[in-house]
C-alpha atoms as a PDB file:
ATOM      1  CA  MET A   1       4.639  17.456  29.530  1.00  0.00           C
ATOM      2  CA  ASP A   2       5.654  15.466  32.598  1.00  0.00           C
ATOM      3  CA  GLU A   3       8.627  16.760  34.537  1.00  0.00           C
ATOM      4  CA  PRO A   4      11.527  14.302  34.503  1.00  0.00           C
ATOM      5  CA  VAL A   5      12.560  12.639  37.720  1.00  0.00           C
ATOM      6  CA  VAL A   6      16.273  12.977  38.417  1.00  0.00           C
ATOM      7  CA  VAL A   7      17.802   9.647  39.364  1.00  0.00           C
ATOM      8  CA  ASP A   8      21.376   9.165  40.570  1.00  0.00           C
ATOM      9  CA  MET A   9      23.311   6.909  38.205  1.00  0.00           C
ATOM     10  CA  PRO A  10      24.766   3.677  39.565  1.00  0.00           C
ATOM     11  CA  ARG A  11      28.409   2.970  38.781  1.00  0.00           C
ATOM     12  CA  ASP A  12      27.548   0.501  36.029  1.00  0.00           C
ATOM     13  CA  GLY A  13      25.199   2.795  34.099  1.00  0.00           C
ATOM     14  CA  GLU A  14      21.775   4.295  33.990  1.00  0.00           C
ATOM     15  CA  LEU A  15      18.740   2.932  35.833  1.00  0.00           C
ATOM     16  CA  VAL A  16      15.668   2.007  33.787  1.00  0.00           C
ATOM     17  CA  ASP A  17      12.189   0.773  34.571  1.00  0.00           C
ATOM     18  CA  VAL A  18      11.739  -2.945  33.946  1.00  0.00           C
ATOM     19  CA  VAL A  19       8.245  -3.538  32.553  1.00  0.00           C
ATOM     20  CA  ASP A  20       6.103  -6.576  31.768  1.00  0.00           C
ATOM     21  CA  GLU A  21       4.797  -7.704  28.362  1.00  0.00           C
ATOM     22  CA  ALA A  22       2.009  -5.098  28.657  1.00  0.00           C
ATOM     23  CA  ASP A  23       4.457  -2.227  29.453  1.00  0.00           C
ATOM     24  CA  ARG A  24       3.476  -2.098  33.152  1.00  0.00           C
ATOM     25  CA  PRO A  25       6.335  -1.181  35.537  1.00  0.00           C
ATOM     26  CA  LEU A  26       7.758  -4.014  37.645  1.00  0.00           C
ATOM     27  CA  GLY A  27      10.932  -2.549  39.115  1.00  0.00           C
ATOM     28  CA  VAL A  28      14.161  -0.671  38.456  1.00  0.00           C
ATOM     29  CA  LEU A  29      17.515  -2.139  37.348  1.00  0.00           C
ATOM     30  CA  PRO A  30      20.699  -0.909  35.699  1.00  0.00           C
ATOM     31  CA  LEU A  31      20.371  -0.904  31.914  1.00  0.00           C
ATOM     32  CA  SER A  32      23.343  -3.240  31.564  1.00  0.00           C
ATOM     33  CA  GLU A  33      21.532  -5.855  33.660  1.00  0.00           C
ATOM     34  CA  VAL A  34      18.269  -5.347  31.754  1.00  0.00           C
ATOM     35  CA  HIS A  35      20.086  -5.987  28.472  1.00  0.00           C
ATOM     36  CA  ARG A  36      22.011  -8.941  29.917  1.00  0.00           C
ATOM     37  CA  GLN A  37      18.801 -10.630  31.075  1.00  0.00           C
ATOM     38  CA  GLY A  38      16.706  -9.633  28.049  1.00  0.00           C
ATOM     39  CA  LEU A  39      14.051  -7.850  30.128  1.00  0.00           C
ATOM     40  CA  TYR A  40      11.326  -5.589  28.784  1.00  0.00           C
ATOM     41  CA  HIS A  41      12.065  -1.849  29.087  1.00  0.00           C
ATOM     42  CA  ARG A  42      11.398   1.459  27.276  1.00  0.00           C
ATOM     43  CA  SER A  43      13.247   3.477  24.655  1.00  0.00           C
ATOM     44  CA  VAL A  44      12.637   6.523  22.482  1.00  0.00           C
ATOM     45  CA  ARG A  45      13.584   7.535  18.963  1.00  0.00           C
ATOM     46  CA  VAL A  46      13.424  11.048  17.511  1.00  0.00           C
ATOM     47  CA  ALA A  47      13.387  11.929  13.810  1.00  0.00           C
ATOM     48  CA  VAL A  48      14.832  15.318  12.877  1.00  0.00           C
ATOM     49  CA  PHE A  49      14.299  16.769   9.401  1.00  0.00           C
ATOM     50  CA  ASP A  50      15.963  19.600   7.490  1.00  0.00           C
ATOM     51  CA  ALA A  51      14.152  22.278   5.454  1.00  0.00           C
ATOM     52  CA  ALA A  52      14.104  19.938   2.422  1.00  0.00           C
ATOM     53  CA  GLY A  53      12.328  17.213   4.418  1.00  0.00           C
ATOM     54  CA  ARG A  54      15.358  14.903   4.636  1.00  0.00           C
ATOM     55  CA  VAL A  55      15.797  12.911   7.851  1.00  0.00           C
ATOM     56  CA  TYR A  56      19.013  13.088   9.844  1.00  0.00           C
ATOM     57  CA  LEU A  57      20.761   9.739  10.328  1.00  0.00           C
ATOM     58  CA  GLN A  58      23.389   9.294  12.991  1.00  0.00           C
ATOM     59  CA  LYS A  59      26.278   6.865  12.829  1.00  0.00           C
ATOM     60  CA  ARG A  60      26.471   5.282  16.259  1.00  0.00           C
ATOM     61  CA  CYS A  61      29.775   5.432  18.118  1.00  0.00           C
ATOM     62  CA  ARG A  62      31.814   2.265  17.872  1.00  0.00           C
ATOM     63  CA  SER A  63      31.927   2.183  21.677  1.00  0.00           C
ATOM     64  CA  LYS A  64      28.166   1.514  21.918  1.00  0.00           C
ATOM     65  CA  ASP A  65      27.156  -1.881  23.330  1.00  0.00           C
ATOM     66  CA  LEU A  66      24.414  -2.425  20.755  1.00  0.00           C
ATOM     67  CA  TYR A  67      24.871  -1.863  17.016  1.00  0.00           C
ATOM     68  CA  PRO A  68      28.188   0.030  17.165  1.00  0.00           C
ATOM     69  CA  GLY A  69      29.000   1.909  13.968  1.00  0.00           C
ATOM     70  CA  ARG A  70      25.573   1.360  12.418  1.00  0.00           C
ATOM     71  CA  LEU A  71      23.295   4.067  11.044  1.00  0.00           C
ATOM     72  CA  ASP A  72      20.364   4.946  13.284  1.00  0.00           C
ATOM     73  CA  LEU A  73      17.574   7.472  13.513  1.00  0.00           C
ATOM     74  CA  SER A  74      18.462  11.048  14.480  1.00  0.00           C
ATOM     75  CA  ALA A  75      18.452  10.586  18.270  1.00  0.00           C
ATOM     76  CA  THR A  76      17.742   7.430  20.253  1.00  0.00           C
ATOM     77  CA  GLY A  77      18.019   6.230  23.798  1.00  0.00           C
ATOM     78  CA  HIS A  78      16.498   4.627  26.845  1.00  0.00           C
ATOM     79  CA  VAL A  79      13.876   6.045  29.162  1.00  0.00           C
ATOM     80  CA  ARG A  80      15.406   6.364  32.613  1.00  0.00           C
ATOM     81  CA  ALA A  81      13.584   5.130  35.694  1.00  0.00           C
ATOM     82  CA  GLY A  82      10.772   7.528  36.571  1.00  0.00           C
ATOM     83  CA  GLU A  83      11.302   9.629  33.425  1.00  0.00           C
ATOM     84  CA  SER A  84       8.510  10.309  30.942  1.00  0.00           C
ATOM     85  CA  ARG A  85       9.010   9.180  27.361  1.00  0.00           C
ATOM     86  CA  GLU A  86       8.822  12.734  26.037  1.00  0.00           C
ATOM     87  CA  ALA A  87      11.346  13.980  28.602  1.00  0.00           C
ATOM     88  CA  ALA A  88      13.669  11.137  27.578  1.00  0.00           C
ATOM     89  CA  ALA A  89      13.283  12.048  23.895  1.00  0.00           C
ATOM     90  CA  LEU A  90      14.039  15.719  24.589  1.00  0.00           C
ATOM     91  CA  ARG A  91      17.057  14.721  26.706  1.00  0.00           C
ATOM     92  CA  GLU A  92      18.437  12.396  24.015  1.00  0.00           C
ATOM     93  CA  LEU A  93      17.984  15.061  21.343  1.00  0.00           C
ATOM     94  CA  ALA A  94      20.016  17.511  23.435  1.00  0.00           C
ATOM     95  CA  GLU A  95      22.649  14.954  24.530  1.00  0.00           C
ATOM     96  CA  GLU A  96      23.279  13.418  21.125  1.00  0.00           C
ATOM     97  CA  LEU A  97      22.702  16.281  18.688  1.00  0.00           C
ATOM     98  CA  GLY A  98      22.872  19.445  20.794  1.00  0.00           C
ATOM     99  CA  LEU A  99      19.329  20.358  19.738  1.00  0.00           C
ATOM    100  CA  THR A 100      16.679  21.876  21.952  1.00  0.00           C
ATOM    101  CA  VAL A 101      13.038  22.031  20.892  1.00  0.00           C
ATOM    102  CA  GLU A 102       9.938  23.107  22.769  1.00  0.00           C
ATOM    103  CA  ARG A 103       7.853  20.135  21.786  1.00  0.00           C
ATOM    104  CA  LEU A 104       7.870  16.886  19.927  1.00  0.00           C
ATOM    105  CA  ARG A 105       5.112  15.207  17.948  1.00  0.00           C
ATOM    106  CA  HIS A 106       4.285  11.602  18.784  1.00  0.00           C
ATOM    107  CA  VAL A 107       4.452   9.393  15.669  1.00  0.00           C
ATOM    108  CA  ALA A 108       4.067   5.800  16.830  1.00  0.00           C
ATOM    109  CA  ASP A 109       4.498   3.221  19.566  1.00  0.00           C
ATOM    110  CA  VAL A 110       6.119  -0.152  18.925  1.00  0.00           C
ATOM    111  CA  ALA A 111       5.432  -3.028  21.297  1.00  0.00           C
ATOM    112  CA  GLY A 112       8.350  -4.719  22.996  1.00  0.00           C
ATOM    113  CA  SER A 113       9.412  -8.051  21.524  1.00  0.00           C
ATOM    114  CA  PRO A 114      12.555 -10.056  20.829  1.00  0.00           C
ATOM    115  CA  ASP A 115      12.775  -8.118  17.516  1.00  0.00           C
ATOM    116  CA  THR A 116      13.067  -4.817  19.429  1.00  0.00           C
ATOM    117  CA  ASN A 117      15.509  -6.181  22.044  1.00  0.00           C
ATOM    118  CA  PHE A 118      12.529  -6.211  24.413  1.00  0.00           C
ATOM    119  CA  GLU A 119      12.143  -2.425  24.141  1.00  0.00           C
ATOM    120  CA  PHE A 120       8.789  -0.664  24.035  1.00  0.00           C
ATOM    121  CA  ILE A 121       9.731   2.058  21.548  1.00  0.00           C
ATOM    122  CA  THR A 122       8.082   5.457  21.267  1.00  0.00           C
ATOM    123  CA  LEU A 123       8.848   7.346  18.050  1.00  0.00           C
ATOM    124  CA  TYR A 124       8.698  11.144  17.936  1.00  0.00           C
ATOM    125  CA  THR A 125       9.504  13.789  15.377  1.00  0.00           C
ATOM    126  CA  ALA A 126      11.032  17.178  16.099  1.00  0.00           C
ATOM    127  CA  GLY A 127       9.844  18.262  12.649  1.00  0.00           C
ATOM    128  CA  ARG A 128      11.876  20.462  10.338  1.00  0.00           C
ATOM    129  CA  LEU A 129      14.557  22.361  12.177  1.00  0.00           C
ATOM    130  CA  ASP A 130      16.602  25.362  11.127  1.00  0.00           C
ATOM    131  CA  ALA A 131      19.448  24.654  13.549  1.00  0.00           C
ATOM    132  CA  PRO A 132      21.962  22.079  12.301  1.00  0.00           C
ATOM    133  CA  PRO A 133      22.661  19.035  14.461  1.00  0.00           C
ATOM    134  CA  ARG A 134      25.868  19.248  16.493  1.00  0.00           C
ATOM    135  CA  PRO A 135      26.707  15.578  17.124  1.00  0.00           C
ATOM    136  CA  ASN A 136      28.233  14.821  20.507  1.00  0.00           C
ATOM    137  CA  PRO A 137      31.339  12.717  19.726  1.00  0.00           C
ATOM    138  CA  ALA A 138      30.812  10.729  22.933  1.00  0.00           C
ATOM    139  CA  GLU A 139      27.433   9.590  21.575  1.00  0.00           C
ATOM    140  CA  VAL A 140      27.463   9.951  17.789  1.00  0.00           C
ATOM    141  CA  GLU A 141      30.361   9.297  15.415  1.00  0.00           C
ATOM    142  CA  SER A 142      28.901  11.322  12.530  1.00  0.00           C
ATOM    143  CA  GLY A 143      25.678  11.934  10.645  1.00  0.00           C
ATOM    144  CA  PHE A 144      24.003  13.182   7.491  1.00  0.00           C
ATOM    145  CA  PHE A 145      20.597  14.023   6.045  1.00  0.00           C
ATOM    146  CA  ALA A 146      18.973  11.505   3.671  1.00  0.00           C
ATOM    147  CA  ASP A 147      15.840  11.586   1.544  1.00  0.00           C
ATOM    148  CA  ARG A 148      13.475   8.683   0.931  1.00  0.00           C
ATOM    149  CA  SER A 149      15.265   7.445  -2.205  1.00  0.00           C
ATOM    150  CA  GLU A 150      18.618   7.440  -0.398  1.00  0.00           C
ATOM    151  CA  LEU A 151      17.079   5.486   2.482  1.00  0.00           C
ATOM    152  CA  ASP A 152      15.548   3.018   0.024  1.00  0.00           C
ATOM    153  CA  TYR A 153      19.020   2.523  -1.470  1.00  0.00           C
ATOM    154  CA  LEU A 154      20.539   1.960   1.991  1.00  0.00           C
ATOM    155  CA  MET A 155      17.787  -0.549   2.833  1.00  0.00           C
ATOM    156  CA  ALA A 156      18.326  -2.450  -0.423  1.00  0.00           C
ATOM    157  CA  ASN A 157      22.125  -2.480  -0.362  1.00  0.00           C
ATOM    158  CA  TYR A 158      23.345  -1.864   3.189  1.00  0.00           C
ATOM    159  CA  ARG A 159      20.581  -3.155   5.445  1.00  0.00           C
ATOM    160  CA  ASP A 160      23.134  -4.840   7.713  1.00  0.00           C
ATOM    161  CA  GLN A 161      24.626  -1.400   8.415  1.00  0.00           C
ATOM    162  CA  LEU A 162      21.298  -0.038   9.750  1.00  0.00           C
ATOM    163  CA  THR A 163      19.937  -0.558  13.246  1.00  0.00           C
ATOM    164  CA  PRO A 164      16.827  -2.754  13.558  1.00  0.00           C
ATOM    165  CA  GLY A 165      14.942   0.300  14.872  1.00  0.00           C
ATOM    166  CA  LEU A 166      15.694   2.297  11.732  1.00  0.00           C
ATOM    167  CA  VAL A 167      14.800  -0.668   9.517  1.00  0.00           C
ATOM    168  CA  HIS A 168      11.480  -1.123  11.348  1.00  0.00           C
ATOM    169  CA  SER A 169      10.611   2.579  11.048  1.00  0.00           C
ATOM    170  CA  LEU A 170      11.287   2.487   7.318  1.00  0.00           C
ATOM    171  CA  GLU A 171       9.471  -0.804   6.685  1.00  0.00           C
ATOM    172  CA  LYS A 172       6.384   0.414   8.543  1.00  0.00           C
ATOM    173  CA  GLY A 173       6.356   3.754   6.694  1.00  0.00           C
ATOM    174  CA  LEU A 174       6.753   5.758   9.888  1.00  0.00           C
ATOM    175  CA  LEU A 175       9.230   8.336   8.557  1.00  0.00           C
ATOM    176  CA  PHE A 176       8.035   9.382   5.089  1.00  0.00           C
ATOM    177  CA  PRO A 177       5.918  11.279   4.620  1.00  0.00           C
ATOM    178  CA  VAL A 178       5.582  12.800   8.042  1.00  0.00           C
ATOM    179  CA  GLU A 179       2.679  15.181   7.705  1.00  0.00           C
ATOM    180  CA  GLY A 180       2.752  18.545   9.374  1.00  0.00           C
ATOM    181  CA  LEU A 181       6.505  19.057   9.114  1.00  0.00           C
END
């Protein structure tokens, strides 16, 4: 695993790598500016499962800029400038859910596009964990574990309450079944 590079945060938020349509680095800007301009950048998503194989869904804080109050995958966030994707995923898992794991399993990569808010998304799983998530109230409003049938119900009846990233993961069959849990 690559060691993360520590980057001082500017006053208006975290710094991220701006990338081109092929995910090649171009420069570094504050995330707020990247979102404002609709520039390509990188993000990570981590799926956490309980012993029964249910996935943890977080309810995003209402203070979030994008998709406040919507249900999202277990832990999500942006890759900071100079940070590896796996290091970002491990950091987000600790920051949002208070969970520490030794390793993650790569599940899929999603190309950046207008549908992903110009994010190149890397999806990981932490597998089945014994430790319960401890949501950080500054990041996550609440959360719960859901099985496939419950997620199907949410997709059919409350799709507008789910983040596009969660919808994409479900539509592409990236969460169930996750072999090797």
